[in-house]
Amino acid sequence: YGCHARDYEHAVHPNHAAAGFPRACV
């Protein structure tokens, strides 16, 4: 998330933030 916060917040298919997905992309 330190580098990919923008990718996480702007993901819409599905919406990562709304779905409560973990911020650990791995």
PDB file of all heavy atoms in Angstrom:
ATOM      1  N   TYR A   1       0.823  -1.207   0.000  1.00  0.00           N
ATOM      2  CA  TYR A   1       0.000   0.000   0.000  1.00  0.00           C
ATOM      3  C   TYR A   1       0.860   1.261   0.000  1.00  0.00           C
ATOM      4  O   TYR A   1       0.427   2.310  -0.487  1.00  0.00           O
ATOM      5  CB  TYR A   1      -0.916  -0.011   1.220  1.00  0.00           C
ATOM      6  CG  TYR A   1      -1.983   1.062   1.195  1.00  0.00           C
ATOM      7  CD1 TYR A   1      -3.130   0.911   0.418  1.00  0.00           C
ATOM      8  CD2 TYR A   1      -1.850   2.224   1.948  1.00  0.00           C
ATOM      9  CE1 TYR A   1      -4.107   1.893   0.393  1.00  0.00           C
ATOM     10  CE2 TYR A   1      -2.822   3.206   1.933  1.00  0.00           C
ATOM     11  CZ  TYR A   1      -3.956   3.049   1.152  1.00  0.00           C
ATOM     12  OH  TYR A   1      -4.917   4.015   1.130  1.00  0.00           O
ATOM     13  N   GLY A   2       2.076   1.154   0.513  1.00  0.00           N
ATOM     14  CA  GLY A   2       2.950   2.322   0.555  1.00  0.00           C
ATOM     15  C   GLY A   2       3.190   2.917  -0.822  1.00  0.00           C
ATOM     16  O   GLY A   2       3.302   4.131  -0.967  1.00  0.00           O
ATOM     17  N   CYS A   3       3.260   2.079  -1.842  1.00  0.00           N
ATOM     18  CA  CYS A   3       3.472   2.562  -3.215  1.00  0.00           C
ATOM     19  C   CYS A   3       2.211   2.495  -4.063  1.00  0.00           C
ATOM     20  O   CYS A   3       2.061   3.256  -5.018  1.00  0.00           O
ATOM     21  CB  CYS A   3       4.573   1.738  -3.896  1.00  0.00           C
ATOM     22  SG  CYS A   3       6.254   2.219  -3.443  1.00  0.00           S
ATOM     23  N   HIS A   4       1.304   1.570  -3.713  1.00  0.00           N
ATOM     24  CA  HIS A   4       0.161   1.304  -4.575  1.00  0.00           C
ATOM     25  C   HIS A   4      -1.168   1.759  -3.967  1.00  0.00           C
ATOM     26  O   HIS A   4      -2.218   1.194  -4.282  1.00  0.00           O
ATOM     27  CB  HIS A   4       0.095  -0.194  -4.891  1.00  0.00           C
ATOM     28  CG  HIS A   4       1.291  -0.690  -5.644  1.00  0.00           C
ATOM     29  ND1 HIS A   4       1.513  -0.362  -6.964  1.00  0.00           N
ATOM     30  CD2 HIS A   4       2.331  -1.480  -5.258  1.00  0.00           C
ATOM     31  CE1 HIS A   4       2.643  -0.943  -7.367  1.00  0.00           C
ATOM     32  NE2 HIS A   4       3.155  -1.622  -6.353  1.00  0.00           N
ATOM     33  N   ALA A   5      -1.119   2.774  -3.113  1.00  0.00           N
ATOM     34  CA  ALA A   5      -2.350   3.284  -2.511  1.00  0.00           C
ATOM     35  C   ALA A   5      -3.310   3.783  -3.587  1.00  0.00           C
ATOM     36  O   ALA A   5      -4.520   3.545  -3.516  1.00  0.00           O
ATOM     37  CB  ALA A   5      -2.026   4.405  -1.527  1.00  0.00           C
ATOM     38  N   ARG A   6      -2.791   4.461  -4.588  1.00  0.00           N
ATOM     39  CA  ARG A   6      -3.640   5.000  -5.656  1.00  0.00           C
ATOM     40  C   ARG A   6      -4.308   3.870  -6.421  1.00  0.00           C
ATOM     41  O   ARG A   6      -5.491   3.950  -6.775  1.00  0.00           O
ATOM     42  CB  ARG A   6      -2.806   5.873  -6.586  1.00  0.00           C
ATOM     43  CG  ARG A   6      -3.616   6.502  -7.712  1.00  0.00           C
ATOM     44  CD  ARG A   6      -2.736   7.394  -8.573  1.00  0.00           C
ATOM     45  NE  ARG A   6      -3.509   7.997  -9.651  1.00  0.00           N
ATOM     46  CZ  ARG A   6      -4.243   9.092  -9.547  1.00  0.00           C
ATOM     47  NH1 ARG A   6      -4.318   9.704  -8.372  1.00  0.00           N
ATOM     48  NH2 ARG A   6      -4.898   9.582 -10.577  1.00  0.00           N
ATOM     49  N   ASP A   7      -3.554   2.781  -6.702  1.00  0.00           N
ATOM     50  CA  ASP A   7      -4.131   1.642  -7.413  1.00  0.00           C
ATOM     51  C   ASP A   7      -5.256   1.012  -6.588  1.00  0.00           C
ATOM     52  O   ASP A   7      -6.292   0.621  -7.130  1.00  0.00           O
ATOM     53  CB  ASP A   7      -3.049   0.590  -7.693  1.00  0.00           C
ATOM     54  CG  ASP A   7      -1.916   1.156  -8.524  1.00  0.00           C
ATOM     55  OD1 ASP A   7      -2.177   1.582  -9.663  1.00  0.00           O
ATOM     56  OD2 ASP A   7      -0.778   1.188  -8.030  1.00  0.00           O
ATOM     57  N   TYR A   8      -5.055   0.928  -5.281  1.00  0.00           N
ATOM     58  CA  TYR A   8      -6.055   0.331  -4.403  1.00  0.00           C
ATOM     59  C   TYR A   8      -7.313   1.190  -4.348  1.00  0.00           C
ATOM     60  O   TYR A   8      -8.441   0.690  -4.502  1.00  0.00           O
ATOM     61  CB  TYR A   8      -5.466   0.165  -3.002  1.00  0.00           C
ATOM     62  CG  TYR A   8      -6.422  -0.372  -1.979  1.00  0.00           C
ATOM     63  CD1 TYR A   8      -6.539  -1.749  -1.758  1.00  0.00           C
ATOM     64  CD2 TYR A   8      -7.209   0.483  -1.208  1.00  0.00           C
ATOM     65  CE1 TYR A   8      -7.418  -2.252  -0.813  1.00  0.00           C
ATOM     66  CE2 TYR A   8      -8.094  -0.003  -0.263  1.00  0.00           C
ATOM     67  CZ  TYR A   8      -8.196  -1.371  -0.063  1.00  0.00           C
ATOM     68  OH  TYR A   8      -9.074  -1.873   0.878  1.00  0.00           O
ATOM     69  N   GLU A   9      -7.133   2.490  -4.136  1.00  0.00           N
ATOM     70  CA  GLU A   9      -8.277   3.385  -3.954  1.00  0.00           C
ATOM     71  C   GLU A   9      -9.086   3.562  -5.240  1.00  0.00           C
ATOM     72  O   GLU A   9     -10.290   3.806  -5.184  1.00  0.00           O
ATOM     73  CB  GLU A   9      -7.800   4.755  -3.462  1.00  0.00           C
ATOM     74  CG  GLU A   9      -7.065   4.732  -2.130  1.00  0.00           C
ATOM     75  CD  GLU A   9      -7.956   4.303  -0.969  1.00  0.00           C
ATOM     76  OE1 GLU A   9      -9.198   4.351  -1.121  1.00  0.00           O
ATOM     77  OE2 GLU A   9      -7.406   3.920   0.087  1.00  0.00           O
ATOM     78  N   HIS A  10      -8.459   3.437  -6.394  1.00  0.00           N
ATOM     79  CA  HIS A  10      -9.152   3.682  -7.663  1.00  0.00           C
ATOM     80  C   HIS A  10      -9.613   2.407  -8.343  1.00  0.00           C
ATOM     81  O   HIS A  10     -10.181   2.459  -9.438  1.00  0.00           O
ATOM     82  CB  HIS A  10      -8.252   4.475  -8.614  1.00  0.00           C
ATOM     83  CG  HIS A  10      -8.077   5.912  -8.221  1.00  0.00           C
ATOM     84  ND1 HIS A  10      -7.219   6.303  -7.216  1.00  0.00           N
ATOM     85  CD2 HIS A  10      -8.662   7.052  -8.680  1.00  0.00           C
ATOM     86  CE1 HIS A  10      -7.259   7.628  -7.086  1.00  0.00           C
ATOM     87  NE2 HIS A  10      -8.139   8.104  -7.960  1.00  0.00           N
ATOM     88  N   ALA A  11      -9.371   1.267  -7.745  1.00  0.00           N
ATOM     89  CA  ALA A  11      -9.846   0.018  -8.338  1.00  0.00           C
ATOM     90  C   ALA A  11     -11.371  -0.046  -8.236  1.00  0.00           C
ATOM     91  O   ALA A  11     -11.934   0.151  -7.159  1.00  0.00           O
ATOM     92  CB  ALA A  11      -9.205  -1.170  -7.634  1.00  0.00           C
ATOM     93  N   VAL A  12     -12.065  -0.318  -9.348  1.00  0.00           N
ATOM     94  CA  VAL A  12     -13.533  -0.310  -9.354  1.00  0.00           C
ATOM     95  C   VAL A  12     -14.150  -1.648  -9.755  1.00  0.00           C
ATOM     96  O   VAL A  12     -15.344  -1.843  -9.600  1.00  0.00           O
ATOM     97  CB  VAL A  12     -14.063   0.794 -10.298  1.00  0.00           C
ATOM     98  CG1 VAL A  12     -13.719   2.164  -9.739  1.00  0.00           C
ATOM     99  CG2 VAL A  12     -13.505   0.624 -11.705  1.00  0.00           C
ATOM    100  N   HIS A  13     -13.383  -2.559 -10.265  1.00  0.00           N
ATOM    101  CA  HIS A  13     -13.927  -3.859 -10.696  1.00  0.00           C
ATOM    102  C   HIS A  13     -13.156  -4.991 -10.042  1.00  0.00           C
ATOM    103  O   HIS A  13     -12.300  -5.609 -10.670  1.00  0.00           O
ATOM    104  CB  HIS A  13     -13.874  -3.995 -12.222  1.00  0.00           C
ATOM    105  CG  HIS A  13     -14.770  -3.050 -12.952  1.00  0.00           C
ATOM    106  ND1 HIS A  13     -16.145  -3.122 -12.875  1.00  0.00           N
ATOM    107  CD2 HIS A  13     -14.488  -2.008 -13.772  1.00  0.00           C
ATOM    108  CE1 HIS A  13     -16.665  -2.162 -13.626  1.00  0.00           C
ATOM    109  NE2 HIS A  13     -15.688  -1.472 -14.173  1.00  0.00           N
ATOM    110  N   PRO A  14     -13.434  -5.294  -8.757  1.00  0.00           N
ATOM    111  CA  PRO A  14     -14.406  -4.638  -7.879  1.00  0.00           C
ATOM    112  C   PRO A  14     -13.794  -3.448  -7.142  1.00  0.00           C
ATOM    113  O   PRO A  14     -12.592  -3.244  -7.190  1.00  0.00           O
ATOM    114  CB  PRO A  14     -14.750  -5.761  -6.888  1.00  0.00           C
ATOM    115  CG  PRO A  14     -13.474  -6.526  -6.772  1.00  0.00           C
ATOM    116  CD  PRO A  14     -12.855  -6.506  -8.146  1.00  0.00           C
ATOM    117  N   ASN A  15     -14.656  -2.730  -6.452  1.00  0.00           N
ATOM    118  CA  ASN A  15     -14.234  -1.584  -5.647  1.00  0.00           C
ATOM    119  C   ASN A  15     -13.555  -2.116  -4.387  1.00  0.00           C
ATOM    120  O   ASN A  15     -14.202  -2.621  -3.480  1.00  0.00           O
ATOM    121  CB  ASN A  15     -15.448  -0.720  -5.291  1.00  0.00           C
ATOM    122  CG  ASN A  15     -15.030   0.587  -4.656  1.00  0.00           C
ATOM    123  OD1 ASN A  15     -14.188   0.630  -3.767  1.00  0.00           O
ATOM    124  ND2 ASN A  15     -15.664   1.682  -5.093  1.00  0.00           N
ATOM    125  N   HIS A  16     -12.222  -2.002  -4.340  1.00  0.00           N
ATOM    126  CA  HIS A  16     -11.466  -2.611  -3.248  1.00  0.00           C
ATOM    127  C   HIS A  16     -11.796  -1.972  -1.896  1.00  0.00           C
ATOM    128  O   HIS A  16     -11.949  -2.664  -0.891  1.00  0.00           O
ATOM    129  CB  HIS A  16      -9.964  -2.491  -3.519  1.00  0.00           C
ATOM    130  CG  HIS A  16      -9.476  -3.407  -4.585  1.00  0.00           C
ATOM    131  ND1 HIS A  16     -10.248  -3.801  -5.642  1.00  0.00           N
ATOM    132  CD2 HIS A  16      -8.263  -4.025  -4.757  1.00  0.00           C
ATOM    133  CE1 HIS A  16      -9.558  -4.619  -6.424  1.00  0.00           C
ATOM    134  NE2 HIS A  16      -8.344  -4.765  -5.907  1.00  0.00           N
ATOM    135  N   ALA A  17     -11.876  -0.621  -1.884  1.00  0.00           N
ATOM    136  CA  ALA A  17     -12.120   0.070  -0.618  1.00  0.00           C
ATOM    137  C   ALA A  17     -13.514  -0.260  -0.087  1.00  0.00           C
ATOM    138  O   ALA A  17     -13.692  -0.557   1.101  1.00  0.00           O
ATOM    139  CB  ALA A  17     -11.956   1.579  -0.808  1.00  0.00           C
ATOM    140  N   ALA A  18     -14.543  -0.224  -0.955  1.00  0.00           N
ATOM    141  CA  ALA A  18     -15.909  -0.506  -0.520  1.00  0.00           C
ATOM    142  C   ALA A  18     -16.068  -1.948  -0.069  1.00  0.00           C
ATOM    143  O   ALA A  18     -16.830  -2.247   0.860  1.00  0.00           O
ATOM    144  CB  ALA A  18     -16.887  -0.202  -1.660  1.00  0.00           C
ATOM    145  N   ALA A  19     -15.322  -2.853  -0.714  1.00  0.00           N
ATOM    146  CA  ALA A  19     -15.439  -4.261  -0.356  1.00  0.00           C
ATOM    147  C   ALA A  19     -14.611  -4.621   0.870  1.00  0.00           C
ATOM    148  O   ALA A  19     -14.714  -5.723   1.392  1.00  0.00           O
ATOM    149  CB  ALA A  19     -15.007  -5.122  -1.540  1.00  0.00           C
ATOM    150  N   GLY A  20     -13.801  -3.673   1.324  1.00  0.00           N
ATOM    151  CA  GLY A  20     -12.982  -3.931   2.506  1.00  0.00           C
ATOM    152  C   GLY A  20     -11.858  -4.919   2.261  1.00  0.00           C
ATOM    153  O   GLY A  20     -11.451  -5.649   3.164  1.00  0.00           O
ATOM    154  N   PHE A  21     -11.357  -4.951   1.021  1.00  0.00           N
ATOM    155  CA  PHE A  21     -10.253  -5.863   0.710  1.00  0.00           C
ATOM    156  C   PHE A  21      -9.007  -5.450   1.505  1.00  0.00           C
ATOM    157  O   PHE A  21      -8.797  -4.262   1.778  1.00  0.00           O
ATOM    158  CB  PHE A  21      -9.930  -5.828  -0.785  1.00  0.00           C
ATOM    159  CG  PHE A  21     -10.973  -6.500  -1.634  1.00  0.00           C
ATOM    160  CD1 PHE A  21     -10.965  -6.336  -3.012  1.00  0.00           C
ATOM    161  CD2 PHE A  21     -11.956  -7.300  -1.070  1.00  0.00           C
ATOM    162  CE1 PHE A  21     -11.912  -6.943  -3.812  1.00  0.00           C
ATOM    163  CE2 PHE A  21     -12.912  -7.917  -1.859  1.00  0.00           C
ATOM    164  CZ  PHE A  21     -12.894  -7.737  -3.233  1.00  0.00           C
ATOM    165  N   PRO A  22      -8.165  -6.395   1.848  1.00  0.00           N
ATOM    166  CA  PRO A  22      -6.936  -6.051   2.579  1.00  0.00           C
ATOM    167  C   PRO A  22      -6.008  -5.212   1.715  1.00  0.00           C
ATOM    168  O   PRO A  22      -6.000  -5.331   0.483  1.00  0.00           O
ATOM    169  CB  PRO A  22      -6.320  -7.414   2.902  1.00  0.00           C
ATOM    170  CG  PRO A  22      -6.898  -8.346   1.905  1.00  0.00           C
ATOM    171  CD  PRO A  22      -8.288  -7.856   1.627  1.00  0.00           C
ATOM    172  N   ARG A  23      -5.230  -4.374   2.372  1.00  0.00           N
ATOM    173  CA  ARG A  23      -4.305  -3.516   1.642  1.00  0.00           C
ATOM    174  C   ARG A  23      -3.007  -4.236   1.281  1.00  0.00           C
ATOM    175  O   ARG A  23      -2.172  -3.657   0.586  1.00  0.00           O
ATOM    176  CB  ARG A  23      -3.997  -2.267   2.470  1.00  0.00           C
ATOM    177  CG  ARG A  23      -5.198  -1.345   2.625  1.00  0.00           C
ATOM    178  CD  ARG A  23      -4.842  -0.111   3.418  1.00  0.00           C
ATOM    179  NE  ARG A  23      -5.942   0.843   3.456  1.00  0.00           N
ATOM    180  CZ  ARG A  23      -5.888   2.013   4.083  1.00  0.00           C
ATOM    181  NH1 ARG A  23      -4.779   2.368   4.734  1.00  0.00           N
ATOM    182  NH2 ARG A  23      -6.928   2.829   4.062  1.00  0.00           N
ATOM    183  N   ALA A  24      -2.849  -5.410   1.757  1.00  0.00           N
ATOM    184  CA  ALA A  24      -1.694  -6.223   1.361  1.00  0.00           C
ATOM    185  C   ALA A  24      -2.011  -6.840  -0.002  1.00  0.00           C
ATOM    186  O   ALA A  24      -2.680  -7.870  -0.095  1.00  0.00           O
ATOM    187  CB  ALA A  24      -1.419  -7.291   2.403  1.00  0.00           C
ATOM    188  N   CYS A  25      -1.548  -6.199  -1.040  1.00  0.00           N
ATOM    189  CA  CYS A  25      -1.906  -6.602  -2.407  1.00  0.00           C
ATOM    190  C   CYS A  25      -1.550  -8.053  -2.696  1.00  0.00           C
ATOM    191  O   CYS A  25      -2.209  -8.705  -3.511  1.00  0.00           O
ATOM    192  CB  CYS A  25      -1.203  -5.697  -3.416  1.00  0.00           C
ATOM    193  SG  CYS A  25      -1.490  -3.925  -3.121  1.00  0.00           S
ATOM    194  N   VAL A  26      -0.503  -8.551  -2.048  1.00  0.00           N
ATOM    195  CA  VAL A  26      -0.057  -9.918  -2.333  1.00  0.00           C
ATOM    196  C   VAL A  26      -1.090 -10.955  -1.912  1.00  0.00           C
ATOM    197  O   VAL A  26      -0.958 -12.127  -2.248  1.00  0.00           O
ATOM    198  CB  VAL A  26       1.291 -10.205  -1.640  1.00  0.00           C
ATOM    199  CG1 VAL A  26       2.399  -9.369  -2.248  1.00  0.00           C
ATOM    200  CG2 VAL A  26       1.188  -9.964  -0.142  1.00  0.00           C
TER     201      VAL A  26
END
